Every structure is written in structure tokens, then in C-alpha cells.
Amino acid sequence: MKRQVSLEEISDGRLYGLNDMVRADCQDCQGCSACCHGMGSSIILDPYDIFRMTLGLDCAAAQLLQEEKLELNVVDGMILPNLKLQGEKEACVFLNREGRCSIHAFRPGICRLFPLGRYYENHSFRYFLQIHECKKKDRTKVKVARWIDTPGPLRYDRYICDWHYFLEDAAERLQGEPEEEVRSGNLYVLKLFYLRPYNGEEDFYSQFYDRLEQAKEVLFES
């Protein structure tokens, strides 16, 4: 999700790589779940999030939508799924009674990232620290790769970058087209990358890049 603000307004003024130390560690949140409330539709899921969640919960993405654990919204011109909030306090549907994350082992990438963000530029990105988002004070330093807590961080970063710029290109390709074509293109991306099940016994990235090549042929070469 693009934010129409300057980096100086929301960060400590630095950009970080995977091996850099950043003051993000809040000692397991110490029971705080503030960032799991009132986030609107901003916890957007990417295909790897769906891969992890459907394996962890042993269910299909379509079932999560049907059970209203996820919802669909238009994000920068594309229809994408996000975690659903509920109740007066707008709490994440996956918070348990103790206010802890019930899917922490396979939580989405944005949740792993917080309070970091990504700054995209020149077909790449760097990380930045959001200084107004986390309520915890006196956070300690932690290596970015460790904080994100995802196997194969270099491969993961490459995938995140490729997915981001694919969505940008797809939105640009569909912009200005008839409404029916825009809807058809969006539904194609949604079904291909989110609703078609992934094989949990196979490498995710190989499956993703096979689908990415297929999508590029359909959207950009037809």
C-alpha cells in the first residue's frame, strides 16, 4: 500500500538492509497488542502469506474468505486480501482471549515487519523504521533479518520485490481499460496467486515464479 508521505515524516531518516541493526525489538511485545487493533485494511497479504497461513491452519484461502477471517479490498488499483478486524475495538480476528496472536508461527509478512516498513525505489527496496507506529518505548536493537524471522531472507526479499513491481505493472496495464477488463484482470490475479492452492510439500518460490511467468504472458503479452 503506497503512502503519500515523505520518508522524513515517518522514519528515523535511515534506510536499512538485512544485516543492519535496527531499534525494533520490543521484547516479545510484553503482552501489548496495540498494533493488532485499528489497522483498518492495511494488513495486506501476499502469496507467501497465503501459503504459510493455509498450511498452518490446514484450510484453503477461499475458506478463510468465506469464514470472514480475510476480506478483499482494492489496493493501488488491484484487488488484494487483507486480515479482517472485528468488534468495537477493531481487533484482528486471529487474536485470542489473552490478546495474543493465535497464528504467530505463520503470521503475515507485514506483522513480522512491524514497526519496519519498506521503501521501494529503482526496482529494489530498503527497510525503514516507522517512528510513530509502535507504542512501546526503549526498544532494543536487532538485526533486520532476525526481526523478519523468515527462512532464506535474501530469497524472500527478492520475491517481495518481484511481487511488488508485478502488481505495479499489472495495475498500470489495467488502468484506463473498460471496467469489465479491469475486473477480469483482477480476478485472474486473485485466483492465480491466492485462491489456487499451493502444494505444501513443494518449494513455494518455484510455484510462485511459475505462476508469475504465466501471469506476465496473460496480462502483458496478450
Protein backbone atom coordinates (compact mmCIF):
# COMPACT_ATOMS: atom_id res chain seq x y z
CA MET A 1 0.00 0.00 0.00
CA LYS A 2 1.51 3.29 -1.09
CA ARG A 3 1.61 6.11 1.46
CA GLN A 4 1.54 9.71 0.30
CA VAL A 5 4.01 10.98 2.89
CA SER A 6 7.70 11.77 2.88
CA LEU A 7 10.17 9.38 4.46
CA GLU A 8 11.33 12.15 6.78
CA GLU A 9 7.85 12.42 8.30
CA ILE A 10 7.54 8.80 9.35
CA SER A 11 11.05 7.40 9.86
CA ASP A 12 14.28 7.95 11.73
CA GLY A 13 15.84 9.11 8.48
CA ARG A 14 17.79 5.91 7.82
CA LEU A 15 17.40 3.05 5.35
CA TYR A 16 18.35 -0.46 6.45
CA GLY A 17 19.45 -3.72 4.83
CA LEU A 18 19.01 -7.26 6.11
CA ASN A 19 22.30 -7.26 8.04
CA ASP A 20 21.81 -3.87 9.67
CA MET A 21 20.82 -3.42 13.30
CA VAL A 22 17.60 -1.51 13.92
CA ARG A 23 15.88 -0.44 17.14
CA ALA A 24 12.74 -2.54 16.63
CA ASP A 25 12.81 -5.27 19.30
CA CYS A 26 10.10 -4.80 21.94
CA GLN A 27 10.86 -7.95 23.98
CA ASP A 28 8.00 -10.07 22.62
CA CYS A 29 5.60 -7.10 22.97
CA GLN A 30 5.22 -7.88 26.71
CA GLY A 31 1.51 -8.53 26.35
CA CYS A 32 0.82 -5.49 24.14
CA SER A 33 -1.40 -5.99 21.10
CA ALA A 34 -1.91 -2.35 20.15
CA CYS A 35 -0.68 -2.92 16.61
CA CYS A 36 -3.33 -5.65 16.19
CA HIS A 37 -6.17 -3.13 16.66
CA GLY A 38 -7.49 -0.34 14.49
CA MET A 39 -5.32 -1.11 11.48
CA GLY A 40 -8.23 -0.94 9.02
CA SER A 41 -7.49 -2.91 5.86
CA SER A 42 -3.74 -2.27 5.96
CA ILE A 43 -2.60 -5.83 6.78
CA ILE A 44 -2.43 -6.83 3.13
CA LEU A 45 -1.42 -10.39 2.33
CA ASP A 46 1.00 -11.51 -0.35
CA PRO A 47 1.03 -15.02 -1.88
CA TYR A 48 3.66 -16.31 0.56
CA ASP A 49 1.44 -15.20 3.45
CA ILE A 50 -1.37 -17.29 1.99
CA PHE A 51 0.99 -20.23 1.51
CA ARG A 52 2.04 -20.12 5.18
CA MET A 53 -1.42 -19.44 6.58
CA THR A 54 -3.22 -22.15 4.63
CA LEU A 55 -0.59 -24.69 5.68
CA GLY A 56 -0.64 -23.53 9.29
CA LEU A 57 -4.45 -23.53 9.53
CA ASP A 58 -4.91 -26.53 7.23
CA CYS A 59 -7.54 -24.81 5.12
CA ALA A 60 -7.89 -23.12 1.75
CA ALA A 61 -7.78 -19.38 1.15
CA ALA A 62 -11.35 -19.49 -0.13
CA GLN A 63 -12.43 -20.90 3.23
CA LEU A 64 -10.72 -18.07 5.11
CA LEU A 65 -12.64 -15.59 2.96
CA GLN A 66 -15.90 -17.47 3.48
CA GLU A 67 -15.34 -17.53 7.26
CA GLU A 68 -14.59 -13.79 7.16
CA LYS A 69 -11.08 -14.18 8.50
CA LEU A 70 -9.93 -12.34 5.39
CA GLU A 71 -11.59 -9.72 3.21
CA LEU A 72 -10.93 -8.21 -0.19
CA ASN A 73 -10.19 -4.57 -0.93
CA VAL A 74 -8.80 -2.52 -3.79
CA VAL A 75 -5.17 -1.58 -3.09
CA ASP A 76 -3.42 0.74 -5.54
CA GLY A 77 -5.64 -0.49 -8.35
CA MET A 78 -5.56 -4.22 -7.55
CA ILE A 79 -7.95 -6.42 -5.56
CA LEU A 80 -5.98 -8.00 -2.71
CA PRO A 81 -6.86 -9.85 0.52
CA ASN A 82 -6.19 -8.44 3.98
CA LEU A 83 -6.72 -9.61 7.55
CA LYS A 84 -10.18 -8.73 8.83
CA LEU A 85 -10.78 -6.75 12.02
CA GLN A 86 -13.79 -7.24 14.28
CA GLY A 87 -15.68 -5.68 17.19
CA GLU A 88 -15.76 -2.19 18.62
CA LYS A 89 -12.01 -2.25 19.22
CA GLU A 90 -11.36 -3.37 15.63
CA ALA A 91 -9.24 -6.31 16.76
CA CYS A 92 -7.57 -8.76 14.39
CA VAL A 93 -9.71 -11.90 14.07
CA PHE A 94 -6.69 -14.03 14.98
CA LEU A 95 -6.16 -12.52 18.44
CA ASN A 96 -7.01 -14.94 21.24
CA ARG A 97 -8.74 -14.10 24.54
CA GLU A 98 -5.42 -13.14 26.11
CA GLY A 99 -4.78 -10.65 23.33
CA ARG A 100 -2.03 -12.75 21.80
CA CYS A 101 -1.62 -13.80 18.18
CA SER A 102 -3.01 -17.29 17.60
CA ILE A 103 -1.16 -17.61 14.28
CA HIS A 104 2.17 -16.16 15.39
CA ALA A 105 4.23 -19.00 13.91
CA PHE A 106 2.81 -18.30 10.45
CA ARG A 107 1.75 -14.66 10.81
CA PRO A 108 1.74 -12.43 7.70
CA GLY A 109 4.82 -10.60 6.49
CA ILE A 110 3.50 -7.15 7.43
CA CYS A 111 3.06 -8.34 11.01
CA ARG A 112 6.62 -9.72 11.03
CA LEU A 113 7.89 -6.47 9.61
CA PHE A 114 6.21 -4.06 12.06
CA PRO A 115 7.34 -1.43 13.06
CA LEU A 116 9.55 -1.52 9.98
CA GLY A 117 8.33 -0.55 6.54
CA ARG A 118 9.69 -0.93 3.01
CA TYR A 119 10.86 1.93 0.81
CA TYR A 120 10.74 0.96 -2.86
CA GLU A 121 12.99 2.65 -5.39
CA ASN A 122 14.81 1.70 -8.63
CA HIS A 123 13.21 -1.75 -8.78
CA SER A 124 14.51 -2.59 -5.32
CA PHE A 125 13.74 -1.65 -1.73
CA ARG A 126 15.27 -0.91 1.63
CA TYR A 127 13.77 -1.09 5.10
CA PHE A 128 12.96 1.89 7.30
CA LEU A 129 11.86 2.27 10.91
CA GLN A 130 8.41 3.79 11.42
CA ILE A 131 8.79 6.08 14.42
CA HIS A 132 5.12 6.86 15.15
CA GLU A 133 3.55 3.40 14.90
CA CYS A 134 4.69 1.26 17.84
CA LYS A 135 3.62 2.35 21.33
CA LYS A 136 6.49 0.55 23.05
CA LYS A 137 9.37 2.66 24.33
CA ASP A 138 13.01 1.73 24.89
CA ARG A 139 13.10 -0.81 22.09
CA THR A 140 16.41 -2.61 21.66
CA LYS A 141 18.46 -3.23 18.53
CA VAL A 142 18.02 -6.36 16.46
CA LYS A 143 19.31 -7.44 13.06
CA VAL A 144 16.69 -6.81 10.39
CA ALA A 145 16.87 -10.37 9.03
CA ARG A 146 16.33 -11.81 12.50
CA TRP A 147 13.41 -9.49 13.17
CA ILE A 148 11.61 -10.52 9.97
CA ASP A 149 12.05 -14.15 11.05
CA THR A 150 11.63 -15.78 7.64
CA PRO A 151 13.79 -18.59 6.19
CA GLY A 152 16.10 -17.58 3.36
CA PRO A 153 15.82 -13.80 3.85
CA LEU A 154 17.67 -12.93 0.63
CA ARG A 155 15.35 -15.11 -1.41
CA TYR A 156 12.36 -13.74 0.44
CA ASP A 157 13.40 -10.13 -0.24
CA ARG A 158 13.83 -10.89 -3.94
CA TYR A 159 10.35 -12.39 -4.03
CA ILE A 160 8.81 -9.43 -2.18
CA CYS A 161 10.43 -7.06 -4.65
CA ASP A 162 9.28 -9.03 -7.69
CA TRP A 163 5.72 -9.28 -6.35
CA HIS A 164 5.56 -5.54 -5.59
CA TYR A 165 6.67 -4.48 -9.04
CA PHE A 166 4.49 -7.07 -10.75
CA LEU A 167 1.45 -5.56 -9.00
CA GLU A 168 2.54 -2.07 -10.05
CA ASP A 169 2.90 -3.19 -13.67
CA ALA A 170 -0.43 -5.04 -13.59
CA ALA A 171 -2.26 -2.01 -12.19
CA GLU A 172 -0.68 0.21 -14.84
CA ARG A 173 -1.60 -2.31 -17.57
CA LEU A 174 -5.25 -2.32 -16.48
CA GLN A 175 -5.54 1.41 -15.86
CA GLY A 176 -7.95 3.07 -18.26
CA GLU A 177 -9.27 -0.22 -19.63
CA PRO A 178 -13.02 -0.96 -19.70
CA GLU A 179 -14.45 -1.87 -16.31
CA GLU A 180 -15.09 -5.48 -17.31
CA GLU A 181 -11.48 -5.97 -18.41
CA VAL A 182 -10.17 -4.43 -15.18
CA ARG A 183 -12.40 -6.75 -13.17
CA SER A 184 -11.37 -9.76 -15.24
CA GLY A 185 -7.66 -8.97 -14.82
CA ASN A 186 -8.03 -8.53 -11.08
CA LEU A 187 -9.94 -11.76 -10.66
CA TYR A 188 -7.32 -13.57 -12.69
CA VAL A 189 -4.52 -12.38 -10.40
CA LEU A 190 -6.58 -13.15 -7.30
CA LYS A 191 -7.40 -16.69 -8.41
CA LEU A 192 -3.92 -17.49 -9.72
CA PHE A 193 -1.88 -16.27 -6.76
CA TYR A 194 -4.29 -16.58 -3.82
CA LEU A 195 -7.21 -18.92 -4.43
CA ARG A 196 -5.46 -21.69 -6.35
CA PRO A 197 -3.93 -23.90 -3.62
CA TYR A 198 -0.17 -24.26 -3.31
CA ASN A 199 1.48 -27.62 -2.74
CA GLY A 200 2.80 -27.54 0.81
CA GLU A 201 5.33 -30.27 0.05
CA GLU A 202 6.98 -28.27 -2.73
CA ASP A 203 9.12 -25.14 -2.67
CA PHE A 204 6.87 -22.07 -2.56
CA TYR A 205 9.13 -19.85 -4.63
CA SER A 206 9.29 -22.29 -7.53
CA GLN A 207 5.49 -22.43 -7.59
CA PHE A 208 5.23 -18.66 -7.32
CA TYR A 209 7.62 -17.91 -10.18
CA ASP A 210 5.88 -20.44 -12.42
CA ARG A 211 2.64 -18.57 -11.80
CA LEU A 212 4.35 -15.20 -12.23
CA GLU A 213 5.60 -16.12 -15.69
CA GLN A 214 2.13 -17.35 -16.60
CA ALA A 215 0.56 -14.10 -15.37
CA LYS A 216 3.00 -11.96 -17.32
CA GLU A 217 2.17 -13.83 -20.52
CA VAL A 218 -1.55 -13.38 -19.98
CA LEU A 219 -1.53 -9.75 -18.83
CA PHE A 220 1.33 -8.20 -20.75
CA GLU A 221 1.80 -10.24 -23.91
CA SER A 222 -1.78 -10.89 -24.94
